[in-house]
């Protein structure tokens, strides 16, 4: 297999790291996800990863909680996931770095764009935690921002469904899957690919997005090699 893309930004949801237990981290699942990442690194692909935190925290647990405080808690959840992914990659022999948007010098580097690019050029997987470092912005927006900053060829969004549908396929058995879409369609049709801020950032910076299922972790390798998996948004 030959990679189609040289540098990619992989977005991993927190839920994908929880496995069947649906909460926390299932390390066996994380290792299975990291195996195709190693295969792609071995092919010479430069990989940045943004992790979500939904397996630990999904925003305000009640309407009375302050949004800023809740988002800060979510950022910390992403750091736990970033460290878990780093550990799994290192056990597979992959050199990686964790960079966070907030200073945590005992456990990670502070995100610096030039350092991140240098890590990628040296073949180190670079894992970005804490989202953008700001409340009111999702980790999808963080993925779009980091992809733009590192000049990634594409964002690979690994999700719990196998692409983008016109409605929720879990609720509507007649939901229709799209093979390709534009970001304008995503925004106009209010499709739940990513939030509107992230979609607009991708649209304005001409960043492609491929949405696919992580149920089969080897889809990561297939996506990087240009196979027809999921839905391509461009």
Foldseek 3Di string as FASTA:
>chain_A
DAFPWQEEEEEEEQQQQCPPVSADGDLVSLLQLCVLVVVVLVNNHQYEYEYWQVNYADADPDPVDDQQVRLQVRLVSRVVVLVSNCVSNVVVVAAAFEEECDDDPVHHHHDDLVVSLVCRVVSHYYYYTSQNVGTPDGNLLSSLVSCLSNVTQAYEYADAAFAWWLDPCVVDVPTDHAQEEELVCCVVSVTVPDDNNSSVSCNVSVHKYFYGYCVNSNVVVCVRRPHRTYHIYD
